Amino acid sequence: MSPRTSSRSRKKAREAAAVPKRPFVAHHLAPLHEILSEAESKKVLEALATPAERVPKILLGDPGLKTDPRYEAMRESGEVLVGRLVRVRRPSATAGEAVAYRLIVPSVGGD
């Protein structure tokens, strides 16, 4: 006689909970994201001569932000990231390196 499926599913759930969470590893095609300090963000906005509302947005929960090694430490310390700029560096065949900026906005889930 085989065990009931409900006891098997509970056993699998316990085993899955015991497995430690794997650290984030960025994909080799994901461009480097660099979170700027508040002072750097202001300087960049002044250099671009544009208000923060006109800069393209990026969600706080976006996986691309995890390519910055300081991201997890900033979140755990409770540092405010919403409203800061992110510098995204992409390799470019014509320019060598293309730099874009994104404004961090809160995620829908309330991150």
N, C-alpha and C. Protein backbone atom coordinates (compact mmCIF):
# COMPACT_ATOMS: atom_id res chain seq x y z
N MET A 1 0.84 -1.16 0.00
CA MET A 1 0.00 0.00 0.00
C MET A 1 0.90 1.24 0.00
N SER A 2 0.58 2.20 -0.82
CA SER A 2 1.39 3.41 -0.91
C SER A 2 0.87 4.48 0.05
N PRO A 3 1.76 5.37 0.49
CA PRO A 3 1.30 6.44 1.39
C PRO A 3 0.39 7.42 0.66
N ARG A 4 -0.38 8.11 1.45
CA ARG A 4 -1.30 9.10 0.87
C ARG A 4 -0.50 10.25 0.27
N THR A 5 -1.05 10.89 -0.74
CA THR A 5 -0.36 11.99 -1.39
C THR A 5 -0.21 13.19 -0.47
N SER A 6 -1.14 13.39 0.44
CA SER A 6 -1.06 14.56 1.32
C SER A 6 0.17 14.49 2.22
N SER A 7 0.51 13.30 2.73
CA SER A 7 1.68 13.19 3.59
C SER A 7 2.96 13.34 2.77
N ARG A 8 2.94 12.89 1.50
CA ARG A 8 4.10 13.08 0.64
C ARG A 8 4.33 14.55 0.34
N SER A 9 3.26 15.28 0.08
CA SER A 9 3.42 16.70 -0.24
C SER A 9 3.92 17.48 0.96
N ARG A 10 3.51 17.11 2.18
CA ARG A 10 4.02 17.78 3.38
C ARG A 10 5.50 17.49 3.56
N LYS A 11 5.90 16.27 3.28
CA LYS A 11 7.31 15.90 3.42
C LYS A 11 8.16 16.69 2.42
N LYS A 12 7.67 16.82 1.20
CA LYS A 12 8.40 17.61 0.19
C LYS A 12 8.48 19.07 0.60
N ALA A 13 7.43 19.59 1.19
CA ALA A 13 7.43 20.99 1.62
C ALA A 13 8.47 21.21 2.72
N ARG A 14 8.58 20.26 3.66
CA ARG A 14 9.59 20.38 4.72
C ARG A 14 11.00 20.31 4.15
N GLU A 15 11.21 19.41 3.18
CA GLU A 15 12.52 19.29 2.56
C GLU A 15 12.89 20.55 1.79
N ALA A 16 11.91 21.15 1.10
CA ALA A 16 12.16 22.36 0.34
C ALA A 16 12.47 23.53 1.27
N ALA A 17 11.83 23.56 2.43
CA ALA A 17 12.09 24.65 3.38
C ALA A 17 13.48 24.54 4.00
N ALA A 18 14.01 23.34 4.08
CA ALA A 18 15.32 23.13 4.69
C ALA A 18 16.46 23.53 3.76
N VAL A 19 16.22 23.61 2.45
CA VAL A 19 17.26 23.97 1.50
C VAL A 19 17.54 25.47 1.60
N PRO A 20 18.81 25.86 1.82
CA PRO A 20 19.11 27.29 1.93
C PRO A 20 18.91 27.99 0.59
N LYS A 21 18.54 29.26 0.66
CA LYS A 21 18.28 30.04 -0.54
C LYS A 21 19.59 30.30 -1.27
N ARG A 22 19.60 30.07 -2.55
CA ARG A 22 20.80 30.25 -3.36
C ARG A 22 21.07 31.74 -3.57
N PRO A 23 22.32 32.19 -3.43
CA PRO A 23 22.60 33.61 -3.64
C PRO A 23 22.37 34.00 -5.10
N PHE A 24 22.05 35.26 -5.32
CA PHE A 24 21.77 35.75 -6.66
C PHE A 24 23.05 35.75 -7.49
N VAL A 25 22.97 35.19 -8.68
CA VAL A 25 24.08 35.21 -9.62
C VAL A 25 23.57 35.87 -10.90
N ALA A 26 24.18 36.99 -11.27
CA ALA A 26 23.72 37.73 -12.44
C ALA A 26 24.05 36.97 -13.72
N HIS A 27 23.15 37.05 -14.67
CA HIS A 27 23.38 36.44 -15.97
C HIS A 27 24.47 37.23 -16.70
N HIS A 28 25.26 36.57 -17.51
CA HIS A 28 26.37 37.25 -18.17
C HIS A 28 25.90 38.31 -19.17
N LEU A 29 24.66 38.26 -19.59
CA LEU A 29 24.14 39.28 -20.50
C LEU A 29 23.47 40.45 -19.77
N ALA A 30 23.28 40.34 -18.46
CA ALA A 30 22.67 41.43 -17.70
C ALA A 30 23.67 42.57 -17.57
N PRO A 31 23.30 43.79 -17.97
CA PRO A 31 24.25 44.91 -17.87
C PRO A 31 24.48 45.31 -16.41
N LEU A 32 25.61 45.92 -16.17
CA LEU A 32 25.97 46.37 -14.84
C LEU A 32 25.09 47.54 -14.42
N HIS A 33 24.47 47.43 -13.25
CA HIS A 33 23.67 48.50 -12.66
C HIS A 33 24.45 49.04 -11.47
N GLU A 34 24.55 50.35 -11.37
CA GLU A 34 25.27 50.98 -10.26
C GLU A 34 24.35 52.00 -9.60
N ILE A 35 24.04 51.77 -8.33
CA ILE A 35 23.17 52.69 -7.60
C ILE A 35 24.01 53.88 -7.16
N LEU A 36 23.57 55.07 -7.54
CA LEU A 36 24.30 56.29 -7.21
C LEU A 36 23.87 56.82 -5.85
N SER A 37 24.77 57.53 -5.19
CA SER A 37 24.42 58.16 -3.91
C SER A 37 23.47 59.33 -4.20
N GLU A 38 22.91 59.89 -3.16
CA GLU A 38 21.98 61.01 -3.34
C GLU A 38 22.69 62.21 -3.96
N ALA A 39 23.93 62.46 -3.52
CA ALA A 39 24.69 63.59 -4.07
C ALA A 39 25.01 63.36 -5.55
N GLU A 40 25.43 62.15 -5.88
CA GLU A 40 25.72 61.83 -7.28
C GLU A 40 24.46 61.94 -8.13
N SER A 41 23.33 61.50 -7.59
CA SER A 41 22.07 61.58 -8.32
C SER A 41 21.74 63.03 -8.66
N LYS A 42 21.92 63.94 -7.70
CA LYS A 42 21.65 65.36 -7.95
C LYS A 42 22.58 65.93 -9.00
N LYS A 43 23.86 65.55 -8.95
CA LYS A 43 24.83 66.05 -9.94
C LYS A 43 24.47 65.58 -11.34
N VAL A 44 24.08 64.33 -11.47
CA VAL A 44 23.72 63.78 -12.78
C VAL A 44 22.49 64.48 -13.33
N LEU A 45 21.49 64.70 -12.48
CA LEU A 45 20.27 65.39 -12.93
C LEU A 45 20.58 66.81 -13.37
N GLU A 46 21.50 67.48 -12.67
CA GLU A 46 21.90 68.83 -13.08
C GLU A 46 22.64 68.79 -14.40
N ALA A 47 23.52 67.80 -14.58
CA ALA A 47 24.27 67.67 -15.83
C ALA A 47 23.35 67.36 -17.00
N LEU A 48 22.33 66.55 -16.76
CA LEU A 48 21.36 66.23 -17.81
C LEU A 48 20.35 67.35 -18.02
N ALA A 49 20.28 68.28 -17.08
CA ALA A 49 19.33 69.40 -17.13
C ALA A 49 17.90 68.90 -17.31
N THR A 50 17.53 67.94 -16.48
CA THR A 50 16.19 67.37 -16.56
C THR A 50 15.69 67.07 -15.15
N PRO A 51 14.38 67.20 -14.92
CA PRO A 51 13.84 66.82 -13.61
C PRO A 51 13.80 65.30 -13.47
N ALA A 52 13.77 64.82 -12.26
CA ALA A 52 13.78 63.38 -11.98
C ALA A 52 12.56 62.68 -12.60
N GLU A 53 11.43 63.38 -12.72
CA GLU A 53 10.22 62.76 -13.26
C GLU A 53 10.36 62.39 -14.73
N ARG A 54 11.30 63.02 -15.44
CA ARG A 54 11.47 62.76 -16.87
C ARG A 54 12.43 61.60 -17.16
N VAL A 55 13.12 61.11 -16.13
CA VAL A 55 14.07 60.01 -16.30
C VAL A 55 13.29 58.69 -16.33
N PRO A 56 13.68 57.75 -17.20
CA PRO A 56 13.00 56.44 -17.20
C PRO A 56 13.06 55.78 -15.82
N LYS A 57 12.07 54.98 -15.51
CA LYS A 57 11.94 54.39 -14.17
C LYS A 57 12.44 52.94 -14.14
N ILE A 58 12.80 52.49 -12.93
CA ILE A 58 13.13 51.09 -12.68
C ILE A 58 12.52 50.74 -11.33
N LEU A 59 11.89 49.58 -11.23
CA LEU A 59 11.26 49.17 -9.97
C LEU A 59 12.30 48.76 -8.95
N LEU A 60 12.01 49.01 -7.69
CA LEU A 60 12.91 48.66 -6.60
C LEU A 60 13.17 47.15 -6.55
N GLY A 61 12.21 46.37 -6.97
CA GLY A 61 12.37 44.92 -6.96
C GLY A 61 12.96 44.34 -8.25
N ASP A 62 13.43 45.19 -9.15
CA ASP A 62 13.99 44.72 -10.42
C ASP A 62 15.25 43.88 -10.19
N PRO A 63 15.34 42.69 -10.78
CA PRO A 63 16.52 41.85 -10.57
C PRO A 63 17.82 42.47 -11.08
N GLY A 64 17.73 43.39 -12.01
CA GLY A 64 18.94 44.05 -12.52
C GLY A 64 19.69 44.82 -11.45
N LEU A 65 18.97 45.32 -10.45
CA LEU A 65 19.61 46.07 -9.36
C LEU A 65 20.55 45.18 -8.55
N LYS A 66 20.28 43.88 -8.57
CA LYS A 66 21.12 42.97 -7.80
C LYS A 66 22.50 42.79 -8.41
N THR A 67 22.74 43.34 -9.61
CA THR A 67 24.09 43.27 -10.18
C THR A 67 25.04 44.23 -9.47
N ASP A 68 24.51 45.19 -8.71
CA ASP A 68 25.35 46.06 -7.88
C ASP A 68 25.63 45.32 -6.58
N PRO A 69 26.90 45.06 -6.26
CA PRO A 69 27.21 44.29 -5.06
C PRO A 69 26.78 44.97 -3.76
N ARG A 70 26.58 46.27 -3.78
CA ARG A 70 26.19 47.00 -2.57
C ARG A 70 24.68 46.99 -2.34
N TYR A 71 23.90 46.50 -3.31
CA TYR A 71 22.44 46.58 -3.25
C TYR A 71 21.87 45.90 -2.01
N GLU A 72 22.24 44.65 -1.75
CA GLU A 72 21.69 43.91 -0.61
C GLU A 72 22.05 44.59 0.71
N ALA A 73 23.29 45.06 0.82
CA ALA A 73 23.71 45.74 2.05
C ALA A 73 22.91 47.02 2.27
N MET A 74 22.63 47.74 1.20
CA MET A 74 21.85 48.98 1.31
C MET A 74 20.43 48.67 1.77
N ARG A 75 19.82 47.63 1.21
CA ARG A 75 18.44 47.28 1.59
C ARG A 75 18.37 46.80 3.03
N GLU A 76 19.35 45.96 3.44
CA GLU A 76 19.33 45.44 4.81
C GLU A 76 19.57 46.53 5.85
N SER A 77 20.37 47.54 5.49
CA SER A 77 20.64 48.62 6.44
C SER A 77 19.47 49.60 6.52
N GLY A 78 18.48 49.46 5.65
CA GLY A 78 17.31 50.33 5.69
C GLY A 78 17.52 51.64 4.95
N GLU A 79 18.56 51.70 4.14
CA GLU A 79 18.84 52.90 3.37
C GLU A 79 17.72 53.14 2.36
N VAL A 80 17.31 54.39 2.20
CA VAL A 80 16.23 54.73 1.27
C VAL A 80 16.80 54.72 -0.16
N LEU A 81 16.25 53.85 -0.99
CA LEU A 81 16.72 53.74 -2.37
C LEU A 81 15.76 54.38 -3.37
N VAL A 82 14.50 54.53 -2.96
CA VAL A 82 13.51 55.14 -3.85
C VAL A 82 13.88 56.60 -4.07
N GLY A 83 13.92 57.01 -5.33
CA GLY A 83 14.27 58.38 -5.67
C GLY A 83 15.72 58.53 -6.09
N ARG A 84 16.50 57.49 -5.95
CA ARG A 84 17.90 57.55 -6.38
C ARG A 84 18.01 57.14 -7.84
N LEU A 85 19.12 57.52 -8.45
CA LEU A 85 19.38 57.13 -9.83
C LEU A 85 20.24 55.88 -9.89
N VAL A 86 20.05 55.14 -10.96
CA VAL A 86 20.85 53.95 -11.24
C VAL A 86 21.54 54.18 -12.58
N ARG A 87 22.84 53.97 -12.61
CA ARG A 87 23.60 54.07 -13.86
C ARG A 87 23.69 52.66 -14.45
N VAL A 88 23.20 52.51 -15.68
CA VAL A 88 23.23 51.21 -16.37
C VAL A 88 24.26 51.31 -17.49
N ARG A 89 25.28 50.45 -17.42
CA ARG A 89 26.35 50.46 -18.43
C ARG A 89 26.19 49.23 -19.31
N ARG A 90 26.03 49.49 -20.62
CA ARG A 90 25.88 48.39 -21.58
C ARG A 90 27.01 48.48 -22.61
N PRO A 91 27.54 47.34 -23.01
CA PRO A 91 28.53 47.38 -24.10
C PRO A 91 27.86 47.78 -25.40
N SER A 92 28.55 48.60 -26.20
CA SER A 92 28.00 49.08 -27.45
C SER A 92 29.05 48.93 -28.56
N ALA A 93 28.62 48.45 -29.71
CA ALA A 93 29.55 48.26 -30.82
C ALA A 93 30.04 49.60 -31.37
N THR A 94 29.22 50.63 -31.30
CA THR A 94 29.61 51.92 -31.87
C THR A 94 30.21 52.87 -30.84
N ALA A 95 29.68 52.88 -29.64
CA ALA A 95 30.14 53.84 -28.63
C ALA A 95 31.13 53.22 -27.63
N GLY A 96 31.32 51.92 -27.68
CA GLY A 96 32.18 51.25 -26.71
C GLY A 96 31.41 50.89 -25.46
N GLU A 97 30.80 51.91 -24.85
CA GLU A 97 29.96 51.69 -23.67
C GLU A 97 28.83 52.71 -23.69
N ALA A 98 27.61 52.22 -23.60
CA ALA A 98 26.44 53.09 -23.56
C ALA A 98 25.98 53.21 -22.11
N VAL A 99 25.80 54.44 -21.65
CA VAL A 99 25.39 54.70 -20.28
C VAL A 99 23.96 55.24 -20.29
N ALA A 100 23.11 54.65 -19.47
CA ALA A 100 21.72 55.09 -19.33
C ALA A 100 21.44 55.27 -17.84
N TYR A 101 20.48 56.11 -17.52
CA TYR A 101 20.11 56.35 -16.12
C TYR A 101 18.65 55.97 -15.92
N ARG A 102 18.35 55.42 -14.75
CA ARG A 102 16.98 55.06 -14.37
C ARG A 102 16.73 55.60 -12.96
N LEU A 103 15.49 55.97 -12.70
CA LEU A 103 15.06 56.44 -11.39
C LEU A 103 14.38 55.29 -10.67
N ILE A 104 14.80 54.99 -9.44
CA ILE A 104 14.21 53.90 -8.67
C ILE A 104 12.86 54.34 -8.13
N VAL A 105 11.82 53.55 -8.40
CA VAL A 105 10.47 53.81 -7.90
C VAL A 105 10.03 52.60 -7.09
N PRO A 106 9.09 52.77 -6.16
CA PRO A 106 8.65 51.62 -5.34
C PRO A 106 7.96 50.55 -6.19
N SER A 107 8.16 49.30 -5.80
CA SER A 107 7.51 48.18 -6.48
C SER A 107 6.05 48.11 -6.08
N VAL A 108 5.26 47.41 -6.86
CA VAL A 108 3.84 47.27 -6.59
C VAL A 108 3.64 46.54 -5.28
N GLY A 109 4.50 45.56 -4.97
CA GLY A 109 4.39 44.77 -3.74
C GLY A 109 4.82 45.51 -2.50
N GLY A 110 5.33 46.73 -2.64
CA GLY A 110 5.71 47.53 -1.49
C GLY A 110 7.14 47.30 -1.02
N ASP A 111 8.03 46.89 -1.92
CA ASP A 111 9.43 46.65 -1.55
C ASP A 111 10.08 47.85 -0.95
